[in-house]
Amino acid sequence: MKEKSSRIGIFIILQIMNVLYSINSVLIKVVSTRWESQGLFKPVTLLLLFAAVAVLGVYAILWQKILTKVDLTVAYMCKGMIIFWGMLWAFLIFGEQITAWNLAGTVIIFAGTYLVTS
């Protein structure tokens, strides 16, 4: 029982890391939009760019830590969930449309992740 709860805990940590990584994609998109419209050397643009790099730094440290607890194949398979988080942010923040194909692909990713982690 303890092993199963440990696997669930690791899966939750991996998902938190995936959310963190997907937030980086949002930051980069905002930075690129601001860069195009206002230029790179505006304080807010530079701050957002710094935040994006900082998020990647934190993610890299967490990734190395999680690899001491779980096999690389399992951890890497869970990275596929970033597709879901990216799609969610695109819909919620940028108002992008989610198609049936997007949903079908996400279901396949969920199924694959479940098979590998169970």
PDB file of N, CA and C in Angstrom:
ATOM      1  N   MET A   1       0.817  -1.191   0.000  1.00  0.00           N
ATOM      2  CA  MET A   1       0.000   0.000   0.000  1.00  0.00           C
ATOM      3  C   MET A   1       0.860   1.254   0.000  1.00  0.00           C
ATOM      4  N   LYS A   2       1.953   1.203   0.763  1.00  0.00           N
ATOM      5  CA  LYS A   2       2.838   2.360   0.827  1.00  0.00           C
ATOM      6  C   LYS A   2       3.466   2.645  -0.532  1.00  0.00           C
ATOM      7  N   GLU A   3       3.806   1.568  -1.265  1.00  0.00           N
ATOM      8  CA  GLU A   3       4.412   1.746  -2.583  1.00  0.00           C
ATOM      9  C   GLU A   3       3.443   2.431  -3.537  1.00  0.00           C
ATOM     10  N   LYS A   4       2.168   2.060  -3.483  1.00  0.00           N
ATOM     11  CA  LYS A   4       1.167   2.673  -4.360  1.00  0.00           C
ATOM     12  C   LYS A   4       0.986   4.147  -4.024  1.00  0.00           C
ATOM     13  N   SER A   5       0.923   4.503  -2.749  1.00  0.00           N
ATOM     14  CA  SER A   5       0.773   5.914  -2.375  1.00  0.00           C
ATOM     15  C   SER A   5       2.022   6.697  -2.748  1.00  0.00           C
ATOM     16  N   SER A   6       3.171   6.038  -2.690  1.00  0.00           N
ATOM     17  CA  SER A   6       4.418   6.691  -3.104  1.00  0.00           C
ATOM     18  C   SER A   6       4.399   6.987  -4.607  1.00  0.00           C
ATOM     19  N   ARG A   7       3.880   6.033  -5.402  1.00  0.00           N
ATOM     20  CA  ARG A   7       3.786   6.249  -6.854  1.00  0.00           C
ATOM     21  C   ARG A   7       2.817   7.374  -7.172  1.00  0.00           C
ATOM     22  N   ILE A   8       1.713   7.432  -6.433  1.00  0.00           N
ATOM     23  CA  ILE A   8       0.738   8.507  -6.654  1.00  0.00           C
ATOM     24  C   ILE A   8       1.368   9.849  -6.306  1.00  0.00           C
ATOM     25  N   GLY A   9       2.121   9.886  -5.212  1.00  0.00           N
ATOM     26  CA  GLY A   9       2.808  11.116  -4.814  1.00  0.00           C
ATOM     27  C   GLY A   9       3.795  11.578  -5.877  1.00  0.00           C
ATOM     28  N   ILE A  10       4.549  10.653  -6.411  1.00  0.00           N
ATOM     29  CA  ILE A  10       5.511  10.995  -7.467  1.00  0.00           C
ATOM     30  C   ILE A  10       4.782  11.476  -8.713  1.00  0.00           C
ATOM     31  N   PHE A  11       3.666  10.823  -9.051  1.00  0.00           N
ATOM     32  CA  PHE A  11       2.882  11.252 -10.212  1.00  0.00           C
ATOM     33  C   PHE A  11       2.369  12.677 -10.006  1.00  0.00           C
ATOM     34  N   ILE A  12       1.915  12.989  -8.816  1.00  0.00           N
ATOM     35  CA  ILE A  12       1.429  14.343  -8.525  1.00  0.00           C
ATOM     36  C   ILE A  12       2.567  15.354  -8.633  1.00  0.00           C
ATOM     37  N   ILE A  13       3.728  15.001  -8.109  1.00  0.00           N
ATOM     38  CA  ILE A  13       4.888  15.897  -8.219  1.00  0.00           C
ATOM     39  C   ILE A  13       5.245  16.112  -9.682  1.00  0.00           C
ATOM     40  N   LEU A  14       5.226  15.042 -10.471  1.00  0.00           N
ATOM     41  CA  LEU A  14       5.515  15.175 -11.904  1.00  0.00           C
ATOM     42  C   LEU A  14       4.510  16.101 -12.590  1.00  0.00           C
ATOM     43  N   GLN A  15       3.251  16.018 -12.187  1.00  0.00           N
ATOM     44  CA  GLN A  15       2.243  16.896 -12.795  1.00  0.00           C
ATOM     45  C   GLN A  15       2.446  18.349 -12.380  1.00  0.00           C
ATOM     46  N   ILE A  16       2.832  18.572 -11.145  1.00  0.00           N
ATOM     47  CA  ILE A  16       3.148  19.936 -10.705  1.00  0.00           C
ATOM     48  C   ILE A  16       4.318  20.475 -11.522  1.00  0.00           C
ATOM     49  N   MET A  17       5.301  19.626 -11.752  1.00  0.00           N
ATOM     50  CA  MET A  17       6.434  20.036 -12.588  1.00  0.00           C
ATOM     51  C   MET A  17       5.985  20.332 -14.015  1.00  0.00           C
ATOM     52  N   ASN A  18       5.065  19.517 -14.540  1.00  0.00           N
ATOM     53  CA  ASN A  18       4.556  19.752 -15.890  1.00  0.00           C
ATOM     54  C   ASN A  18       3.801  21.074 -15.974  1.00  0.00           C
ATOM     55  N   VAL A  19       3.032  21.391 -14.947  1.00  0.00           N
ATOM     56  CA  VAL A  19       2.336  22.681 -14.911  1.00  0.00           C
ATOM     57  C   VAL A  19       3.361  23.805 -14.927  1.00  0.00           C
ATOM     58  N   LEU A  20       4.396  23.665 -14.121  1.00  0.00           N
ATOM     59  CA  LEU A  20       5.456  24.668 -14.075  1.00  0.00           C
ATOM     60  C   LEU A  20       6.095  24.843 -15.445  1.00  0.00           C
ATOM     61  N   TYR A  21       6.401  23.736 -16.095  1.00  0.00           N
ATOM     62  CA  TYR A  21       7.018  23.796 -17.418  1.00  0.00           C
ATOM     63  C   TYR A  21       6.075  24.432 -18.446  1.00  0.00           C
ATOM     64  N   SER A  22       4.779  24.105 -18.349  1.00  0.00           N
ATOM     65  CA  SER A  22       3.831  24.665 -19.315  1.00  0.00           C
ATOM     66  C   SER A  22       3.617  26.161 -19.088  1.00  0.00           C
ATOM     67  N   ILE A  23       3.750  26.606 -17.840  1.00  0.00           N
ATOM     68  CA  ILE A  23       3.668  28.039 -17.562  1.00  0.00           C
ATOM     69  C   ILE A  23       4.802  28.771 -18.271  1.00  0.00           C
ATOM     70  N   ASN A  24       5.934  28.107 -18.400  1.00  0.00           N
ATOM     71  CA  ASN A  24       7.041  28.701 -19.147  1.00  0.00           C
ATOM     72  C   ASN A  24       6.637  28.990 -20.588  1.00  0.00           C
ATOM     73  N   SER A  25       5.880  28.101 -21.208  1.00  0.00           N
ATOM     74  CA  SER A  25       5.415  28.332 -22.578  1.00  0.00           C
ATOM     75  C   SER A  25       4.529  29.567 -22.652  1.00  0.00           C
ATOM     76  N   VAL A  26       3.692  29.751 -21.645  1.00  0.00           N
ATOM     77  CA  VAL A  26       2.836  30.938 -21.594  1.00  0.00           C
ATOM     78  C   VAL A  26       3.701  32.190 -21.469  1.00  0.00           C
ATOM     79  N   LEU A  27       4.671  32.144 -20.566  1.00  0.00           N
ATOM     80  CA  LEU A  27       5.550  33.303 -20.390  1.00  0.00           C
ATOM     81  C   LEU A  27       6.294  33.637 -21.682  1.00  0.00           C
ATOM     82  N   ILE A  28       6.802  32.633 -22.358  1.00  0.00           N
ATOM     83  CA  ILE A  28       7.538  32.873 -23.607  1.00  0.00           C
ATOM     84  C   ILE A  28       6.624  33.472 -24.670  1.00  0.00           C
ATOM     85  N   LYS A  29       5.380  33.015 -24.743  1.00  0.00           N
ATOM     86  CA  LYS A  29       4.444  33.571 -25.719  1.00  0.00           C
ATOM     87  C   LYS A  29       4.150  35.037 -25.408  1.00  0.00           C
ATOM     88  N   VAL A  30       3.969  35.346 -24.133  1.00  0.00           N
ATOM     89  CA  VAL A  30       3.727  36.736 -23.740  1.00  0.00           C
ATOM     90  C   VAL A  30       4.954  37.597 -24.029  1.00  0.00           C
ATOM     91  N   VAL A  31       6.134  37.068 -23.721  1.00  0.00           N
ATOM     92  CA  VAL A  31       7.373  37.808 -24.002  1.00  0.00           C
ATOM     93  C   VAL A  31       7.517  38.075 -25.491  1.00  0.00           C
ATOM     94  N   SER A  32       7.267  37.070 -26.316  1.00  0.00           N
ATOM     95  CA  SER A  32       7.439  37.266 -27.765  1.00  0.00           C
ATOM     96  C   SER A  32       6.437  38.290 -28.304  1.00  0.00           C
ATOM     97  N   THR A  33       5.225  38.297 -27.765  1.00  0.00           N
ATOM     98  CA  THR A  33       4.226  39.281 -28.196  1.00  0.00           C
ATOM     99  C   THR A  33       4.643  40.680 -27.771  1.00  0.00           C
ATOM    100  N   ARG A  34       5.095  40.831 -26.537  1.00  0.00           N
ATOM    101  CA  ARG A  34       5.538  42.139 -26.047  1.00  0.00           C
ATOM    102  C   ARG A  34       6.795  42.597 -26.785  1.00  0.00           C
ATOM    103  N   TRP A  35       7.696  41.657 -27.061  1.00  0.00           N
ATOM    104  CA  TRP A  35       8.931  41.994 -27.753  1.00  0.00           C
ATOM    105  C   TRP A  35       8.605  42.557 -29.128  1.00  0.00           C
ATOM    106  N   GLU A  36       7.690  41.899 -29.824  1.00  0.00           N
ATOM    107  CA  GLU A  36       7.309  42.347 -31.163  1.00  0.00           C
ATOM    108  C   GLU A  36       6.648  43.727 -31.138  1.00  0.00           C
ATOM    109  N   SER A  37       5.793  43.967 -30.157  1.00  0.00           N
ATOM    110  CA  SER A  37       5.043  45.220 -30.145  1.00  0.00           C
ATOM    111  C   SER A  37       5.775  46.358 -29.452  1.00  0.00           C
ATOM    112  N   GLN A  38       6.595  46.069 -28.438  1.00  0.00           N
ATOM    113  CA  GLN A  38       7.196  47.140 -27.649  1.00  0.00           C
ATOM    114  C   GLN A  38       8.717  47.132 -27.635  1.00  0.00           C
ATOM    115  N   GLY A  39       9.319  46.081 -28.138  1.00  0.00           N
ATOM    116  CA  GLY A  39      10.768  45.982 -28.106  1.00  0.00           C
ATOM    117  C   GLY A  39      11.236  45.170 -26.914  1.00  0.00           C
ATOM    118  N   LEU A  40      12.464  44.704 -27.000  1.00  0.00           N
ATOM    119  CA  LEU A  40      12.993  43.815 -25.979  1.00  0.00           C
ATOM    120  C   LEU A  40      13.331  44.531 -24.685  1.00  0.00           C
ATOM    121  N   PHE A  41      13.813  45.750 -24.759  1.00  0.00           N
ATOM    122  CA  PHE A  41      14.403  46.387 -23.583  1.00  0.00           C
ATOM    123  C   PHE A  41      13.428  47.203 -22.754  1.00  0.00           C
ATOM    124  N   LYS A  42      12.169  46.830 -22.764  1.00  0.00           N
ATOM    125  CA  LYS A  42      11.186  47.407 -21.855  1.00  0.00           C
ATOM    126  C   LYS A  42      11.267  46.620 -20.545  1.00  0.00           C
ATOM    127  N   PRO A  43      11.145  47.293 -19.407  1.00  0.00           N
ATOM    128  CA  PRO A  43      11.298  46.583 -18.120  1.00  0.00           C
ATOM    129  C   PRO A  43      10.361  45.383 -17.945  1.00  0.00           C
ATOM    130  N   VAL A  44       9.112  45.506 -18.325  1.00  0.00           N
ATOM    131  CA  VAL A  44       8.181  44.393 -18.145  1.00  0.00           C
ATOM    132  C   VAL A  44       8.571  43.213 -19.031  1.00  0.00           C
ATOM    133  N   THR A  45       8.996  43.493 -20.251  1.00  0.00           N
ATOM    134  CA  THR A  45       9.414  42.423 -21.163  1.00  0.00           C
ATOM    135  C   THR A  45      10.620  41.686 -20.596  1.00  0.00           C
ATOM    136  N   LEU A  46      11.600  42.444 -20.105  1.00  0.00           N
ATOM    137  CA  LEU A  46      12.791  41.823 -19.523  1.00  0.00           C
ATOM    138  C   LEU A  46      12.444  41.032 -18.260  1.00  0.00           C
ATOM    139  N   LEU A  47      11.538  41.559 -17.453  1.00  0.00           N
ATOM    140  CA  LEU A  47      11.118  40.847 -16.251  1.00  0.00           C
ATOM    141  C   LEU A  47      10.432  39.529 -16.592  1.00  0.00           C
ATOM    142  N   LEU A  48       9.564  39.542 -17.589  1.00  0.00           N
ATOM    143  CA  LEU A  48       8.892  38.311 -18.015  1.00  0.00           C
ATOM    144  C   LEU A  48       9.892  37.319 -18.604  1.00  0.00           C
ATOM    145  N   LEU A  49      10.853  37.812 -19.361  1.00  0.00           N
ATOM    146  CA  LEU A  49      11.892  36.943 -19.919  1.00  0.00           C
ATOM    147  C   LEU A  49      12.721  36.315 -18.802  1.00  0.00           C
ATOM    148  N   PHE A  50      13.069  37.117 -17.809  1.00  0.00           N
ATOM    149  CA  PHE A  50      13.799  36.593 -16.655  1.00  0.00           C
ATOM    150  C   PHE A  50      12.957  35.551 -15.932  1.00  0.00           C
ATOM    151  N   ALA A  51      11.661  35.808 -15.765  1.00  0.00           N
ATOM    152  CA  ALA A  51      10.771  34.852 -15.099  1.00  0.00           C
ATOM    153  C   ALA A  51      10.728  33.527 -15.859  1.00  0.00           C
ATOM    154  N   ALA A  52      10.693  33.602 -17.191  1.00  0.00           N
ATOM    155  CA  ALA A  52      10.664  32.384 -18.006  1.00  0.00           C
ATOM    156  C   ALA A  52      11.944  31.568 -17.805  1.00  0.00           C
ATOM    157  N   VAL A  53      13.082  32.242 -17.773  1.00  0.00           N
ATOM    158  CA  VAL A  53      14.354  31.542 -17.566  1.00  0.00           C
ATOM    159  C   VAL A  53      14.414  30.968 -16.148  1.00  0.00           C
ATOM    160  N   ALA A  54      13.912  31.726 -15.170  1.00  0.00           N
ATOM    161  CA  ALA A  54      13.900  31.245 -13.788  1.00  0.00           C
ATOM    162  C   ALA A  54      13.018  30.008 -13.638  1.00  0.00           C
ATOM    163  N   VAL A  55      11.858  30.007 -14.301  1.00  0.00           N
ATOM    164  CA  VAL A  55      10.968  28.846 -14.250  1.00  0.00           C
ATOM    165  C   VAL A  55      11.685  27.627 -14.825  1.00  0.00           C
ATOM    166  N   LEU A  56      12.391  27.812 -15.930  1.00  0.00           N
ATOM    167  CA  LEU A  56      13.140  26.682 -16.512  1.00  0.00           C
ATOM    168  C   LEU A  56      14.241  26.199 -15.570  1.00  0.00           C
ATOM    169  N   GLY A  57      14.885  27.122 -14.870  1.00  0.00           N
ATOM    170  CA  GLY A  57      15.916  26.740 -13.908  1.00  0.00           C
ATOM    171  C   GLY A  57      15.349  25.907 -12.771  1.00  0.00           C
ATOM    172  N   VAL A  58      14.224  26.346 -12.215  1.00  0.00           N
ATOM    173  CA  VAL A  58      13.569  25.598 -11.140  1.00  0.00           C
ATOM    174  C   VAL A  58      13.133  24.225 -11.660  1.00  0.00           C
ATOM    175  N   TYR A  59      12.572  24.205 -12.867  1.00  0.00           N
ATOM    176  CA  TYR A  59      12.139  22.934 -13.453  1.00  0.00           C
ATOM    177  C   TYR A  59      13.328  21.980 -13.628  1.00  0.00           C
ATOM    178  N   ALA A  60      14.457  22.495 -14.092  1.00  0.00           N
ATOM    179  CA  ALA A  60      15.636  21.645 -14.304  1.00  0.00           C
ATOM    180  C   ALA A  60      16.119  21.026 -12.993  1.00  0.00           C
ATOM    181  N   ILE A  61      16.092  21.814 -11.925  1.00  0.00           N
ATOM    182  CA  ILE A  61      16.506  21.290 -10.619  1.00  0.00           C
ATOM    183  C   ILE A  61      15.532  20.219 -10.145  1.00  0.00           C
ATOM    184  N   LEU A  62      14.233  20.495 -10.263  1.00  0.00           N
ATOM    185  CA  LEU A  62      13.227  19.518  -9.848  1.00  0.00           C
ATOM    186  C   LEU A  62      13.313  18.238 -10.683  1.00  0.00           C
ATOM    187  N   TRP A  63      13.594  18.387 -11.976  1.00  0.00           N
ATOM    188  CA  TRP A  63      13.717  17.227 -12.862  1.00  0.00           C
ATOM    189  C   TRP A  63      14.849  16.319 -12.396  1.00  0.00           C
ATOM    190  N   GLN A  64      15.978  16.922 -12.049  1.00  0.00           N
ATOM    191  CA  GLN A  64      17.107  16.121 -11.575  1.00  0.00           C
ATOM    192  C   GLN A  64      16.775  15.417 -10.259  1.00  0.00           C
ATOM    193  N   LYS A  65      16.044  16.115  -9.387  1.00  0.00           N
ATOM    194  CA  LYS A  65      15.649  15.509  -8.111  1.00  0.00           C
ATOM    195  C   LYS A  65      14.685  14.341  -8.315  1.00  0.00           C
ATOM    196  N   ILE A  66      13.710  14.508  -9.200  1.00  0.00           N
ATOM    197  CA  ILE A  66      12.705  13.460  -9.401  1.00  0.00           C
ATOM    198  C   ILE A  66      13.331  12.224 -10.046  1.00  0.00           C
ATOM    199  N   LEU A  67      14.366  12.420 -10.839  1.00  0.00           N
ATOM    200  CA  LEU A  67      15.018  11.273 -11.478  1.00  0.00           C
ATOM    201  C   LEU A  67      15.741  10.379 -10.472  1.00  0.00           C
ATOM    202  N   THR A  68      15.972  10.870  -9.257  1.00  0.00           N
ATOM    203  CA  THR A  68      16.547  10.020  -8.220  1.00  0.00           C
ATOM    204  C   THR A  68      15.487   9.112  -7.604  1.00  0.00           C
ATOM    205  N   LYS A  69      14.214   9.414  -7.857  1.00  0.00           N
ATOM    206  CA  LYS A  69      13.108   8.661  -7.262  1.00  0.00           C
ATOM    207  C   LYS A  69      12.348   7.779  -8.248  1.00  0.00           C
ATOM    208  N   VAL A  70      12.476   8.049  -9.533  1.00  0.00           N
ATOM    209  CA  VAL A  70      11.679   7.330 -10.529  1.00  0.00           C
ATOM    210  C   VAL A  70      12.544   7.080 -11.771  1.00  0.00           C
ATOM    211  N   ASP A  71      12.240   6.019 -12.490  1.00  0.00           N
ATOM    212  CA  ASP A  71      12.974   5.712 -13.716  1.00  0.00           C
ATOM    213  C   ASP A  71      12.764   6.802 -14.770  1.00  0.00           C
ATOM    214  N   LEU A  72      13.778   7.004 -15.567  1.00  0.00           N
ATOM    215  CA  LEU A  72      13.704   8.017 -16.614  1.00  0.00           C
ATOM    216  C   LEU A  72      12.551   7.747 -17.576  1.00  0.00           C
ATOM    217  N   THR A  73      12.305   6.484 -17.900  1.00  0.00           N
ATOM    218  CA  THR A  73      11.229   6.173 -18.846  1.00  0.00           C
ATOM    219  C   THR A  73       9.869   6.601 -18.311  1.00  0.00           C
ATOM    220  N   VAL A  74       9.628   6.396 -17.038  1.00  0.00           N
ATOM    221  CA  VAL A  74       8.351   6.808 -16.437  1.00  0.00           C
ATOM    222  C   VAL A  74       8.266   8.320 -16.374  1.00  0.00           C
ATOM    223  N   ALA A  75       9.323   8.963 -15.917  1.00  0.00           N
ATOM    224  CA  ALA A  75       9.326  10.420 -15.813  1.00  0.00           C
ATOM    225  C   ALA A  75       9.143  11.056 -17.187  1.00  0.00           C
ATOM    226  N   TYR A  76       9.821  10.512 -18.186  1.00  0.00           N
ATOM    227  CA  TYR A  76       9.723  11.095 -19.519  1.00  0.00           C
ATOM    228  C   TYR A  76       8.334  10.876 -20.109  1.00  0.00           C
ATOM    229  N   MET A  77       7.722   9.744 -19.831  1.00  0.00           N
ATOM    230  CA  MET A  77       6.372   9.481 -20.322  1.00  0.00           C
ATOM    231  C   MET A  77       5.388  10.492 -19.730  1.00  0.00           C
ATOM    232  N   CYS A  78       5.572  10.817 -18.477  1.00  0.00           N
ATOM    233  CA  CYS A  78       4.683  11.791 -17.837  1.00  0.00           C
ATOM    234  C   CYS A  78       4.851  13.194 -18.413  1.00  0.00           C
ATOM    235  N   LYS A  79       5.980  13.455 -19.054  1.00  0.00           N
ATOM    236  CA  LYS A  79       6.173  14.756 -19.700  1.00  0.00           C
ATOM    237  C   LYS A  79       5.174  14.973 -20.829  1.00  0.00           C
ATOM    238  N   GLY A  80       4.620  13.899 -21.359  1.00  0.00           N
ATOM    239  CA  GLY A  80       3.616  14.034 -22.409  1.00  0.00           C
ATOM    240  C   GLY A  80       2.389  14.783 -21.947  1.00  0.00           C
ATOM    241  N   MET A  81       2.158  14.826 -20.645  1.00  0.00           N
ATOM    242  CA  MET A  81       1.018  15.546 -20.094  1.00  0.00           C
ATOM    243  C   MET A  81       1.150  17.054 -20.286  1.00  0.00           C
ATOM    244  N   ILE A  82       2.348  17.520 -20.622  1.00  0.00           N
ATOM    245  CA  ILE A  82       2.540  18.951 -20.881  1.00  0.00           C
ATOM    246  C   ILE A  82       1.643  19.395 -22.031  1.00  0.00           C
ATOM    247  N   ILE A  83       1.358  18.489 -22.962  1.00  0.00           N
ATOM    248  CA  ILE A  83       0.439  18.809 -24.061  1.00  0.00           C
ATOM    249  C   ILE A  83      -0.918  19.241 -23.509  1.00  0.00           C
ATOM    250  N   PHE A  84      -1.421  18.496 -22.532  1.00  0.00           N
ATOM    251  CA  PHE A  84      -2.707  18.846 -21.914  1.00  0.00           C
ATOM    252  C   PHE A  84      -2.647  20.221 -21.262  1.00  0.00           C
ATOM    253  N   TRP A  85      -1.614  20.453 -20.453  1.00  0.00           N
ATOM    254  CA  TRP A  85      -1.519  21.723 -19.743  1.00  0.00           C
ATOM    255  C   TRP A  85      -1.360  22.888 -20.723  1.00  0.00           C
ATOM    256  N   GLY A  86      -0.570  22.692 -21.757  1.00  0.00           N
ATOM    257  CA  GLY A  86      -0.413  23.743 -22.771  1.00  0.00           C
ATOM    258  C   GLY A  86      -1.721  24.059 -23.468  1.00  0.00           C
ATOM    259  N   MET A  87      -2.478  23.018 -23.775  1.00  0.00           N
ATOM    260  CA  MET A  87      -3.776  23.219 -24.417  1.00  0.00           C
ATOM    261  C   MET A  87      -4.733  23.950 -23.480  1.00  0.00           C
ATOM    262  N   LEU A  88      -4.700  23.603 -22.204  1.00  0.00           N
ATOM    263  CA  LEU A  88      -5.556  24.271 -21.230  1.00  0.00           C
ATOM    264  C   LEU A  88      -5.211  25.756 -21.117  1.00  0.00           C
ATOM    265  N   TRP A  89      -3.928  26.065 -21.037  1.00  0.00           N
ATOM    266  CA  TRP A  89      -3.529  27.482 -20.938  1.00  0.00           C
ATOM    267  C   TRP A  89      -3.881  28.230 -22.220  1.00  0.00           C
ATOM    268  N   ALA A  90      -3.691  27.604 -23.366  1.00  0.00           N
ATOM    269  CA  ALA A  90      -4.031  28.250 -24.637  1.00  0.00           C
ATOM    270  C   ALA A  90      -5.506  28.614 -24.675  1.00  0.00           C
ATOM    271  N   PHE A  91      -6.343  27.731 -24.156  1.00  0.00           N
ATOM    272  CA  PHE A  91      -7.785  27.991 -24.129  1.00  0.00           C
ATOM    273  C   PHE A  91      -8.133  29.070 -23.101  1.00  0.00           C
ATOM    274  N   LEU A  92      -7.637  28.919 -21.879  1.00  0.00           N
ATOM    275  CA  LEU A  92      -8.014  29.828 -20.801  1.00  0.00           C
ATOM    276  C   LEU A  92      -7.396  31.218 -20.916  1.00  0.00           C
ATOM    277  N   ILE A  93      -6.138  31.290 -21.305  1.00  0.00           N
ATOM    278  CA  ILE A  93      -5.432  32.566 -21.306  1.00  0.00           C
ATOM    279  C   ILE A  93      -5.502  33.266 -22.652  1.00  0.00           C
ATOM    280  N   PHE A  94      -5.317  32.502 -23.733  1.00  0.00           N
ATOM    281  CA  PHE A  94      -5.230  33.125 -25.049  1.00  0.00           C
ATOM    282  C   PHE A  94      -6.491  32.968 -25.880  1.00  0.00           C
ATOM    283  N   GLY A  95      -7.489  32.264 -25.348  1.00  0.00           N
ATOM    284  CA  GLY A  95      -8.765  32.116 -26.045  1.00  0.00           C
ATOM    285  C   GLY A  95      -8.690  31.279 -27.308  1.00  0.00           C
ATOM    286  N   GLU A  96      -7.711  30.388 -27.391  1.00  0.00           N
ATOM    287  CA  GLU A  96      -7.589  29.533 -28.563  1.00  0.00           C
ATOM    288  C   GLU A  96      -8.641  28.429 -28.516  1.00  0.00           C
ATOM    289  N   GLN A  97      -9.025  27.945 -29.673  1.00  0.00           N
ATOM    290  CA  GLN A  97     -10.076  26.944 -29.769  1.00  0.00           C
ATOM    291  C   GLN A  97      -9.499  25.541 -29.583  1.00  0.00           C
ATOM    292  N   ILE A  98     -10.246  24.692 -28.884  1.00  0.00           N
ATOM    293  CA  ILE A  98      -9.868  23.286 -28.709  1.00  0.00           C
ATOM    294  C   ILE A  98     -10.754  22.459 -29.628  1.00  0.00           C
ATOM    295  N   THR A  99     -10.128  21.663 -30.479  1.00  0.00           N
ATOM    296  CA  THR A  99     -10.875  20.846 -31.438  1.00  0.00           C
ATOM    297  C   THR A  99     -11.065  19.433 -30.916  1.00  0.00           C
ATOM    298  N   ALA A 100     -11.897  18.676 -31.604  1.00  0.00           N
ATOM    299  CA  ALA A 100     -12.105  17.270 -31.255  1.00  0.00           C
ATOM    300  C   ALA A 100     -10.804  16.488 -31.390  1.00  0.00           C
ATOM    301  N   TRP A 101      -9.983  16.846 -32.372  1.00  0.00           N
ATOM    302  CA  TRP A 101      -8.700  16.165 -32.549  1.00  0.00           C
ATOM    303  C   TRP A 101      -7.774  16.455 -31.366  1.00  0.00           C
ATOM    304  N   ASN A 102      -7.801  17.698 -30.862  1.00  0.00           N
ATOM    305  CA  ASN A 102      -7.014  18.029 -29.669  1.00  0.00           C
ATOM    306  C   ASN A 102      -7.428  17.157 -28.490  1.00  0.00           C
ATOM    307  N   LEU A 103      -8.727  17.030 -28.309  1.00  0.00           N
ATOM    308  CA  LEU A 103      -9.235  16.215 -27.204  1.00  0.00           C
ATOM    309  C   LEU A 103      -8.892  14.741 -27.384  1.00  0.00           C
ATOM    310  N   ALA A 104      -9.013  14.240 -28.610  1.00  0.00           N
ATOM    311  CA  ALA A 104      -8.684  12.837 -28.879  1.00  0.00           C
ATOM    312  C   ALA A 104      -7.208  12.574 -28.585  1.00  0.00           C
ATOM    313  N   GLY A 105      -6.346  13.462 -28.997  1.00  0.00           N
ATOM    314  CA  GLY A 105      -4.919  13.314 -28.718  1.00  0.00           C
ATOM    315  C   GLY A 105      -4.617  13.346 -27.234  1.00  0.00           C
ATOM    316  N   THR A 106      -5.310  14.210 -26.519  1.00  0.00           N
ATOM    317  CA  THR A 106      -5.119  14.294 -25.078  1.00  0.00           C
ATOM    318  C   THR A 106      -5.564  13.020 -24.379  1.00  0.00           C
ATOM    319  N   VAL A 107      -6.659  12.438 -24.823  1.00  0.00           N
ATOM    320  CA  VAL A 107      -7.132  11.181 -24.244  1.00  0.00           C
ATOM    321  C   VAL A 107      -6.099  10.076 -24.485  1.00  0.00           C
ATOM    322  N   ILE A 108      -5.515  10.037 -25.655  1.00  0.00           N
ATOM    323  CA  ILE A 108      -4.487   9.039 -25.954  1.00  0.00           C
ATOM    324  C   ILE A 108      -3.273   9.240 -25.042  1.00  0.00           C
ATOM    325  N   ILE A 109      -2.894  10.494 -24.822  1.00  0.00           N
ATOM    326  CA  ILE A 109      -1.769  10.780 -23.925  1.00  0.00           C
ATOM    327  C   ILE A 109      -2.096  10.345 -22.503  1.00  0.00           C
ATOM    328  N   PHE A 110      -3.305  10.660 -22.036  1.00  0.00           N
ATOM    329  CA  PHE A 110      -3.724  10.218 -20.692  1.00  0.00           C
ATOM    330  C   PHE A 110      -3.649   8.706 -20.583  1.00  0.00           C
ATOM    331  N   ALA A 111      -4.158   8.006 -21.584  1.00  0.00           N
ATOM    332  CA  ALA A 111      -4.174   6.544 -21.553  1.00  0.00           C
ATOM    333  C   ALA A 111      -2.747   5.990 -21.506  1.00  0.00           C
ATOM    334  N   GLY A 112      -1.879   6.532 -22.324  1.00  0.00           N
ATOM    335  CA  GLY A 112      -0.490   6.086 -22.334  1.00  0.00           C
ATOM    336  C   GLY A 112       0.213   6.348 -21.019  1.00  0.00           C
ATOM    337  N   THR A 113      -0.027   7.515 -20.453  1.00  0.00           N
ATOM    338  CA  THR A 113       0.578   7.849 -19.163  1.00  0.00           C
ATOM    339  C   THR A 113       0.081   6.918 -18.069  1.00  0.00           C
ATOM    340  N   TYR A 114      -1.220   6.632 -18.102  1.00  0.00           N
ATOM    341  CA  TYR A 114      -1.798   5.735 -17.110  1.00  0.00           C
ATOM    342  C   TYR A 114      -1.186   4.330 -17.231  1.00  0.00           C
ATOM    343  N   LEU A 115      -1.052   3.845 -18.455  1.00  0.00           N
ATOM    344  CA  LEU A 115      -0.508   2.506 -18.674  1.00  0.00           C
ATOM    345  C   LEU A 115       0.932   2.401 -18.174  1.00  0.00           C
ATOM    346  N   VAL A 116       1.711   3.441 -18.424  1.00  0.00           N
ATOM    347  CA  VAL A 116       3.122   3.401 -18.024  1.00  0.00           C
ATOM    348  C   VAL A 116       3.285   3.535 -16.517  1.00  0.00           C
ATOM    349  N   THR A 117       2.458   4.386 -15.895  1.00  0.00           N
ATOM    350  CA  THR A 117       2.654   4.626 -14.461  1.00  0.00           C
ATOM    351  C   THR A 117       1.936   3.633 -13.571  1.00  0.00           C
ATOM    352  N   SER A 118       1.049   2.808 -14.151  1.00  0.00           N
ATOM    353  CA  SER A 118       0.331   1.855 -13.275  1.00  0.00           C
ATOM    354  C   SER A 118       0.965   0.480 -13.310  1.00  0.00           C
TER     355      SER A 118
END
